[in-house]
Amino acid sequence: MTKPTKRKRCAICGELKVFSEYSPCKTGRHGLYNYCKPCRNEYLKSLNPNREEIERTRSQRIGLKSLGLKTCSSCKTVKHLDDFYADPRHKDGKQSVCKECWSQKSNEFRLRKEYGMTPEEFKLLLDAQDGVCAICGRAPKNTKFNIDHDHKTHKIRALLCVNCNTNLLPYVERFPEWVKKAFDYLENPPAFAVIGEKIVPETNQSRLKVRKGAWDVQQDRQSQ
């Protein structure tokens, strides 16, 4: 004798249906929802008309995750998970914004917070300087500029390379009279008036050429 099939009446449509027509629910009677699957789907669609689009997007995300990919929420580009910084708050352990967009947003936030500049203003200043340092006229390594400003008036002056901003400019501002004396020294060396224009031996000249060559190589590497 076969056992009778267990049935349950849907709370919405009122039809008596078998248990397989209901979705599981831990808190419901018999471990099932009080309404059948078709009625439940219609009810969920009424709550969110775009639910089908949401489910489609979710399935796409699950597919991307299985391939080790993720869509950046900022640039909307599909990238590998390695292109995202770690974030334990997300299910996949990665941020929703890729590294490139995150770096761009961080730079924009730093510009506004520390210097009160917009990215557009920074670009205008960079274009006006032809993309090089305002003092030495060279492009800094990795195209990273320092925004120089007057520490007394707090006014932004220009974009400088790290060397000019941290080494040259502070020295010039602190000892301007020494800089003027250095120019006068180079134009009129005191030794010319005392012992004449005496030339150093060839051995010293060769040593200086080696040092100058090493210095030129170092400067070329920094400018690249």
C-alpha atoms as a PDB file:
ATOM      1  CA  MET A   1       0.000   0.000   0.000  1.00  0.00           C
ATOM      2  CA  THR A   2       1.480   3.331  -1.055  1.00  0.00           C
ATOM      3  CA  LYS A   3       1.648   6.149   1.430  1.00  0.00           C
ATOM      4  CA  PRO A   4      -0.566   9.169   0.645  1.00  0.00           C
ATOM      5  CA  THR A   5       1.327  12.120  -0.762  1.00  0.00           C
ATOM      6  CA  LYS A   6       1.605  14.925   1.767  1.00  0.00           C
ATOM      7  CA  ARG A   7      -0.102  18.101   0.663  1.00  0.00           C
ATOM      8  CA  LYS A   8      -0.382  21.659   1.887  1.00  0.00           C
ATOM      9  CA  ARG A   9      -2.743  24.516   1.056  1.00  0.00           C
ATOM     10  CA  CYS A  10      -1.152  27.689  -0.342  1.00  0.00           C
ATOM     11  CA  ALA A  11      -1.976  30.755   1.746  1.00  0.00           C
ATOM     12  CA  ILE A  12      -2.236  32.942  -1.371  1.00  0.00           C
ATOM     13  CA  CYS A  13      -3.896  30.982  -4.167  1.00  0.00           C
ATOM     14  CA  GLY A  14      -5.707  28.578  -1.785  1.00  0.00           C
ATOM     15  CA  GLU A  15      -4.826  25.497  -3.829  1.00  0.00           C
ATOM     16  CA  LEU A  16      -3.878  22.199  -2.207  1.00  0.00           C
ATOM     17  CA  LYS A  17      -0.433  21.255  -3.476  1.00  0.00           C
ATOM     18  CA  VAL A  18       2.244  18.667  -2.698  1.00  0.00           C
ATOM     19  CA  PHE A  19       5.209  19.579  -0.497  1.00  0.00           C
ATOM     20  CA  SER A  20       7.540  19.703  -3.517  1.00  0.00           C
ATOM     21  CA  GLU A  21       5.652  22.813  -4.723  1.00  0.00           C
ATOM     22  CA  TYR A  22       6.890  24.777  -1.699  1.00  0.00           C
ATOM     23  CA  SER A  23      10.310  26.205  -0.941  1.00  0.00           C
ATOM     24  CA  PRO A  24      12.006  25.177   2.326  1.00  0.00           C
ATOM     25  CA  CYS A  25      11.699  27.507   5.306  1.00  0.00           C
ATOM     26  CA  LYS A  26      13.096  26.733   8.761  1.00  0.00           C
ATOM     27  CA  THR A  27      10.425  28.717  10.610  1.00  0.00           C
ATOM     28  CA  GLY A  28       7.422  27.549   8.533  1.00  0.00           C
ATOM     29  CA  ARG A  29       5.114  24.667   9.285  1.00  0.00           C
ATOM     30  CA  HIS A  30       6.509  21.358   8.030  1.00  0.00           C
ATOM     31  CA  GLY A  31       9.706  23.284   7.246  1.00  0.00           C
ATOM     32  CA  LEU A  32       8.069  24.968   4.248  1.00  0.00           C
ATOM     33  CA  TYR A  33       6.765  28.379   3.252  1.00  0.00           C
ATOM     34  CA  ASN A  34       3.002  28.955   3.599  1.00  0.00           C
ATOM     35  CA  TYR A  35       2.733  29.846  -0.091  1.00  0.00           C
ATOM     36  CA  CYS A  36       3.789  27.824  -3.137  1.00  0.00           C
ATOM     37  CA  LYS A  37       6.743  28.609  -5.361  1.00  0.00           C
ATOM     38  CA  PRO A  38       4.796  30.379  -8.180  1.00  0.00           C
ATOM     39  CA  CYS A  39       2.941  32.585  -5.687  1.00  0.00           C
ATOM     40  CA  ARG A  40       6.163  33.327  -3.832  1.00  0.00           C
ATOM     41  CA  ASN A  41       7.917  34.359  -7.051  1.00  0.00           C
ATOM     42  CA  GLU A  42       5.037  36.684  -7.971  1.00  0.00           C
ATOM     43  CA  TYR A  43       5.107  38.156  -4.473  1.00  0.00           C
ATOM     44  CA  LEU A  44       8.858  38.834  -4.642  1.00  0.00           C
ATOM     45  CA  LYS A  45       8.492  40.443  -8.075  1.00  0.00           C
ATOM     46  CA  SER A  46       5.800  42.757  -6.700  1.00  0.00           C
ATOM     47  CA  LEU A  47       8.197  43.858  -3.957  1.00  0.00           C
ATOM     48  CA  ASN A  48      11.009  44.586  -6.437  1.00  0.00           C
ATOM     49  CA  PRO A  49      10.089  44.927 -10.139  1.00  0.00           C
ATOM     50  CA  ASN A  50      13.778  44.763 -11.063  1.00  0.00           C
ATOM     51  CA  ARG A  51      14.327  41.479  -9.269  1.00  0.00           C
ATOM     52  CA  GLU A  52      14.920  39.567 -12.511  1.00  0.00           C
ATOM     53  CA  GLU A  53      17.690  41.984 -13.453  1.00  0.00           C
ATOM     54  CA  ILE A  54      19.138  41.665  -9.950  1.00  0.00           C
ATOM     55  CA  GLU A  55      19.121  37.875 -10.166  1.00  0.00           C
ATOM     56  CA  ARG A  56      20.760  38.012 -13.607  1.00  0.00           C
ATOM     57  CA  THR A  57      23.480  40.346 -12.350  1.00  0.00           C
ATOM     58  CA  ARG A  58      24.009  38.115  -9.322  1.00  0.00           C
ATOM     59  CA  SER A  59      24.435  35.035 -11.499  1.00  0.00           C
ATOM     60  CA  GLN A  60      26.953  36.922 -13.613  1.00  0.00           C
ATOM     61  CA  ARG A  61      28.914  37.859 -10.494  1.00  0.00           C
ATOM     62  CA  ILE A  62      28.943  34.259  -9.326  1.00  0.00           C
ATOM     63  CA  GLY A  63      30.268  33.252 -12.742  1.00  0.00           C
ATOM     64  CA  LEU A  64      32.998  35.906 -12.611  1.00  0.00           C
ATOM     65  CA  LYS A  65      33.981  34.816  -9.107  1.00  0.00           C
ATOM     66  CA  SER A  66      34.488  31.237 -10.243  1.00  0.00           C
ATOM     67  CA  LEU A  67      36.870  32.571 -12.903  1.00  0.00           C
ATOM     68  CA  GLY A  68      38.769  34.733 -10.414  1.00  0.00           C
ATOM     69  CA  LEU A  69      37.337  37.933 -11.898  1.00  0.00           C
ATOM     70  CA  LYS A  70      35.433  40.901 -10.512  1.00  0.00           C
ATOM     71  CA  THR A  71      33.746  44.035 -11.858  1.00  0.00           C
ATOM     72  CA  CYS A  72      35.052  47.344 -10.502  1.00  0.00           C
ATOM     73  CA  SER A  73      32.171  49.378  -9.084  1.00  0.00           C
ATOM     74  CA  SER A  74      33.824  52.607 -10.247  1.00  0.00           C
ATOM     75  CA  CYS A  75      35.106  52.035 -13.804  1.00  0.00           C
ATOM     76  CA  LYS A  76      32.728  49.076 -14.459  1.00  0.00           C
ATOM     77  CA  THR A  77      35.636  47.077 -15.917  1.00  0.00           C
ATOM     78  CA  VAL A  78      36.006  43.329 -15.366  1.00  0.00           C
ATOM     79  CA  LYS A  79      39.431  42.699 -13.833  1.00  0.00           C
ATOM     80  CA  HIS A  80      41.310  39.906 -12.096  1.00  0.00           C
ATOM     81  CA  LEU A  81      40.995  39.643  -8.322  1.00  0.00           C
ATOM     82  CA  ASP A  82      44.698  40.480  -8.013  1.00  0.00           C
ATOM     83  CA  ASP A  83      43.849  43.973  -9.305  1.00  0.00           C
ATOM     84  CA  PHE A  84      41.821  44.631  -6.129  1.00  0.00           C
ATOM     85  CA  TYR A  85      43.109  45.374  -2.628  1.00  0.00           C
ATOM     86  CA  ALA A  86      42.194  42.975   0.174  1.00  0.00           C
ATOM     87  CA  ASP A  87      39.110  43.775   2.273  1.00  0.00           C
ATOM     88  CA  PRO A  88      37.726  41.140   4.688  1.00  0.00           C
ATOM     89  CA  ARG A  89      34.363  42.912   4.828  1.00  0.00           C
ATOM     90  CA  HIS A  90      33.472  41.574   1.361  1.00  0.00           C
ATOM     91  CA  LYS A  91      32.584  37.965   0.613  1.00  0.00           C
ATOM     92  CA  ASP A  92      35.392  37.539  -1.906  1.00  0.00           C
ATOM     93  CA  GLY A  93      37.876  39.276   0.422  1.00  0.00           C
ATOM     94  CA  LYS A  94      38.493  42.115  -2.051  1.00  0.00           C
ATOM     95  CA  GLN A  95      37.449  45.760  -2.289  1.00  0.00           C
ATOM     96  CA  SER A  96      34.679  46.721  -4.684  1.00  0.00           C
ATOM     97  CA  VAL A  97      36.974  49.296  -6.366  1.00  0.00           C
ATOM     98  CA  CYS A  98      40.065  48.230  -8.320  1.00  0.00           C
ATOM     99  CA  LYS A  99      43.561  49.380  -7.346  1.00  0.00           C
ATOM    100  CA  GLU A 100      43.773  51.911 -10.179  1.00  0.00           C
ATOM    101  CA  CYS A 101      40.479  53.596  -9.283  1.00  0.00           C
ATOM    102  CA  TRP A 102      41.321  53.421  -5.571  1.00  0.00           C
ATOM    103  CA  SER A 103      44.666  55.143  -6.179  1.00  0.00           C
ATOM    104  CA  GLN A 104      42.979  57.822  -8.268  1.00  0.00           C
ATOM    105  CA  LYS A 105      40.317  58.461  -5.635  1.00  0.00           C
ATOM    106  CA  SER A 106      42.987  58.550  -2.893  1.00  0.00           C
ATOM    107  CA  ASN A 107      45.017  61.123  -4.832  1.00  0.00           C
ATOM    108  CA  GLU A 108      41.923  63.248  -5.407  1.00  0.00           C
ATOM    109  CA  PHE A 109      41.052  63.075  -1.694  1.00  0.00           C
ATOM    110  CA  ARG A 110      44.637  64.035  -0.758  1.00  0.00           C
ATOM    111  CA  LEU A 111      44.612  66.973  -3.189  1.00  0.00           C
ATOM    112  CA  ARG A 112      41.390  68.348  -1.743  1.00  0.00           C
ATOM    113  CA  LYS A 113      42.236  67.713   1.914  1.00  0.00           C
ATOM    114  CA  GLU A 114      45.895  68.817   2.039  1.00  0.00           C
ATOM    115  CA  TYR A 115      46.052  71.466  -0.689  1.00  0.00           C
ATOM    116  CA  GLY A 116      42.467  72.435  -1.485  1.00  0.00           C
ATOM    117  CA  MET A 117      43.071  71.644  -5.161  1.00  0.00           C
ATOM    118  CA  THR A 118      40.868  69.837  -7.624  1.00  0.00           C
ATOM    119  CA  PRO A 119      42.258  67.282 -10.120  1.00  0.00           C
ATOM    120  CA  GLU A 120      41.404  69.731 -12.903  1.00  0.00           C
ATOM    121  CA  GLU A 121      43.510  72.484 -11.276  1.00  0.00           C
ATOM    122  CA  PHE A 122      46.424  70.060 -10.825  1.00  0.00           C
ATOM    123  CA  LYS A 123      46.268  69.130 -14.514  1.00  0.00           C
ATOM    124  CA  LEU A 124      46.159  72.800 -15.555  1.00  0.00           C
ATOM    125  CA  LEU A 125      49.273  73.510 -13.504  1.00  0.00           C
ATOM    126  CA  LEU A 126      51.009  70.408 -14.860  1.00  0.00           C
ATOM    127  CA  ASP A 127      50.229  71.393 -18.466  1.00  0.00           C
ATOM    128  CA  ALA A 128      51.475  74.939 -17.835  1.00  0.00           C
ATOM    129  CA  GLN A 129      54.822  73.468 -16.706  1.00  0.00           C
ATOM    130  CA  ASP A 130      54.938  71.105 -19.728  1.00  0.00           C
ATOM    131  CA  GLY A 131      54.981  68.134 -17.353  1.00  0.00           C
ATOM    132  CA  VAL A 132      58.389  68.953 -15.835  1.00  0.00           C
ATOM    133  CA  CYS A 133      59.710  70.416 -12.577  1.00  0.00           C
ATOM    134  CA  ALA A 134      59.408  74.213 -12.404  1.00  0.00           C
ATOM    135  CA  ILE A 135      63.044  74.560 -11.230  1.00  0.00           C
ATOM    136  CA  CYS A 136      65.247  71.879 -12.810  1.00  0.00           C
ATOM    137  CA  GLY A 137      63.021  71.347 -15.860  1.00  0.00           C
ATOM    138  CA  ARG A 138      63.071  67.539 -15.620  1.00  0.00           C
ATOM    139  CA  ALA A 139      60.236  65.076 -15.274  1.00  0.00           C
ATOM    140  CA  PRO A 140      60.401  63.394 -11.844  1.00  0.00           C
ATOM    141  CA  LYS A 141      60.748  59.646 -11.488  1.00  0.00           C
ATOM    142  CA  ASN A 142      57.404  57.817 -11.770  1.00  0.00           C
ATOM    143  CA  THR A 143      55.878  61.249 -12.640  1.00  0.00           C
ATOM    144  CA  LYS A 144      55.333  61.989  -8.956  1.00  0.00           C
ATOM    145  CA  PHE A 145      55.363  65.714  -8.202  1.00  0.00           C
ATOM    146  CA  ASN A 146      55.530  67.545  -4.906  1.00  0.00           C
ATOM    147  CA  ILE A 147      53.109  70.446  -4.584  1.00  0.00           C
ATOM    148  CA  ASP A 148      55.286  73.276  -3.298  1.00  0.00           C
ATOM    149  CA  HIS A 149      53.710  76.045  -1.218  1.00  0.00           C
ATOM    150  CA  ASP A 150      54.940  78.988   0.836  1.00  0.00           C
ATOM    151  CA  HIS A 151      54.912  77.977   4.507  1.00  0.00           C
ATOM    152  CA  LYS A 152      54.352  81.601   5.556  1.00  0.00           C
ATOM    153  CA  THR A 153      51.549  82.639   3.204  1.00  0.00           C
ATOM    154  CA  HIS A 154      50.378  79.034   2.573  1.00  0.00           C
ATOM    155  CA  LYS A 155      49.997  79.843  -1.135  1.00  0.00           C
ATOM    156  CA  ILE A 156      50.690  77.138  -3.727  1.00  0.00           C
ATOM    157  CA  ARG A 157      53.647  78.043  -5.936  1.00  0.00           C
ATOM    158  CA  ALA A 158      54.368  75.207  -8.379  1.00  0.00           C
ATOM    159  CA  LEU A 159      54.945  71.490  -8.938  1.00  0.00           C
ATOM    160  CA  LEU A 160      58.497  70.391  -8.117  1.00  0.00           C
ATOM    161  CA  CYS A 161      60.460  67.164  -8.171  1.00  0.00           C
ATOM    162  CA  VAL A 162      61.425  65.601  -4.846  1.00  0.00           C
ATOM    163  CA  ASN A 163      65.056  66.746  -5.070  1.00  0.00           C
ATOM    164  CA  CYS A 164      64.246  70.408  -5.752  1.00  0.00           C
ATOM    165  CA  ASN A 165      61.463  70.545  -3.188  1.00  0.00           C
ATOM    166  CA  THR A 166      63.200  68.784  -0.297  1.00  0.00           C
ATOM    167  CA  ASN A 167      66.899  69.548  -0.901  1.00  0.00           C
ATOM    168  CA  LEU A 168      67.463  72.598  -3.086  1.00  0.00           C
ATOM    169  CA  LEU A 169      64.578  74.943  -2.309  1.00  0.00           C
ATOM    170  CA  PRO A 170      64.703  74.775   1.538  1.00  0.00           C
ATOM    171  CA  TYR A 171      68.441  75.544   1.427  1.00  0.00           C
ATOM    172  CA  VAL A 172      67.900  78.528  -0.903  1.00  0.00           C
ATOM    173  CA  GLU A 173      65.093  79.886   1.286  1.00  0.00           C
ATOM    174  CA  ARG A 174      67.113  79.484   4.474  1.00  0.00           C
ATOM    175  CA  PHE A 175      70.441  80.857   3.200  1.00  0.00           C
ATOM    176  CA  PRO A 176      69.695  83.188   0.247  1.00  0.00           C
ATOM    177  CA  GLU A 177      72.851  85.243   0.884  1.00  0.00           C
ATOM    178  CA  TRP A 178      75.004  82.106   0.580  1.00  0.00           C
ATOM    179  CA  VAL A 179      73.441  81.338  -2.788  1.00  0.00           C
ATOM    180  CA  LYS A 180      74.271  84.823  -4.047  1.00  0.00           C
ATOM    181  CA  LYS A 181      77.855  84.447  -2.792  1.00  0.00           C
ATOM    182  CA  ALA A 182      78.092  81.075  -4.546  1.00  0.00           C
ATOM    183  CA  PHE A 183      77.171  82.693  -7.889  1.00  0.00           C
ATOM    184  CA  ASP A 184      79.714  85.460  -7.332  1.00  0.00           C
ATOM    185  CA  TYR A 185      82.303  82.819  -6.412  1.00  0.00           C
ATOM    186  CA  LEU A 186      81.744  80.910  -9.645  1.00  0.00           C
ATOM    187  CA  GLU A 187      82.001  84.085 -11.745  1.00  0.00           C
ATOM    188  CA  ASN A 188      85.104  85.470  -9.960  1.00  0.00           C
ATOM    189  CA  PRO A 189      87.089  82.710  -8.176  1.00  0.00           C
ATOM    190  CA  PRO A 190      89.510  84.286  -5.611  1.00  0.00           C
ATOM    191  CA  ALA A 191      92.389  82.023  -6.665  1.00  0.00           C
ATOM    192  CA  PHE A 192      92.607  83.708 -10.093  1.00  0.00           C
ATOM    193  CA  ALA A 193      93.649  86.995  -8.480  1.00  0.00           C
ATOM    194  CA  VAL A 194      96.146  85.361  -6.065  1.00  0.00           C
ATOM    195  CA  ILE A 195      97.928  82.513  -7.905  1.00  0.00           C
ATOM    196  CA  GLY A 196      96.550  82.889 -11.399  1.00  0.00           C
ATOM    197  CA  GLU A 197      94.553  80.390 -13.454  1.00  0.00           C
ATOM    198  CA  LYS A 198      96.421  77.294 -12.285  1.00  0.00           C
ATOM    199  CA  ILE A 199      95.337  73.910 -13.786  1.00  0.00           C
ATOM    200  CA  VAL A 200      95.243  70.726 -11.687  1.00  0.00           C
ATOM    201  CA  PRO A 201      97.341  67.679 -12.753  1.00  0.00           C
ATOM    202  CA  GLU A 202      96.009  65.122 -15.262  1.00  0.00           C
ATOM    203  CA  THR A 203      95.646  62.444 -12.572  1.00  0.00           C
ATOM    204  CA  ASN A 204      93.175  64.623 -10.703  1.00  0.00           C
ATOM    205  CA  GLN A 205      91.390  65.493 -13.950  1.00  0.00           C
ATOM    206  CA  SER A 206      90.839  61.794 -14.779  1.00  0.00           C
ATOM    207  CA  ARG A 207      89.485  61.170 -11.275  1.00  0.00           C
ATOM    208  CA  LEU A 208      87.064  64.053 -11.648  1.00  0.00           C
ATOM    209  CA  LYS A 209      85.912  62.757 -15.045  1.00  0.00           C
ATOM    210  CA  VAL A 210      85.076  59.369 -13.498  1.00  0.00           C
ATOM    211  CA  ARG A 211      83.078  61.048 -10.736  1.00  0.00           C
ATOM    212  CA  LYS A 212      81.314  63.305 -13.253  1.00  0.00           C
ATOM    213  CA  GLY A 213      80.446  60.309 -15.437  1.00  0.00           C
ATOM    214  CA  ALA A 214      78.939  58.460 -12.488  1.00  0.00           C
ATOM    215  CA  TRP A 215      76.978  61.564 -11.558  1.00  0.00           C
ATOM    216  CA  ASP A 216      75.620  61.919 -15.103  1.00  0.00           C
ATOM    217  CA  VAL A 217      74.523  58.266 -15.126  1.00  0.00           C
ATOM    218  CA  GLN A 218      72.735  58.748 -11.814  1.00  0.00           C
ATOM    219  CA  GLN A 219      70.940  61.846 -13.077  1.00  0.00           C
ATOM    220  CA  ASP A 220      69.869  60.053 -16.278  1.00  0.00           C
ATOM    221  CA  ARG A 221      68.397  57.188 -14.232  1.00  0.00           C
ATOM    222  CA  GLN A 222      66.440  59.622 -12.059  1.00  0.00           C
ATOM    223  CA  SER A 223      65.071  61.448 -15.113  1.00  0.00           C
ATOM    224  CA  GLN A 224      63.800  58.225 -16.714  1.00  0.00           C
END
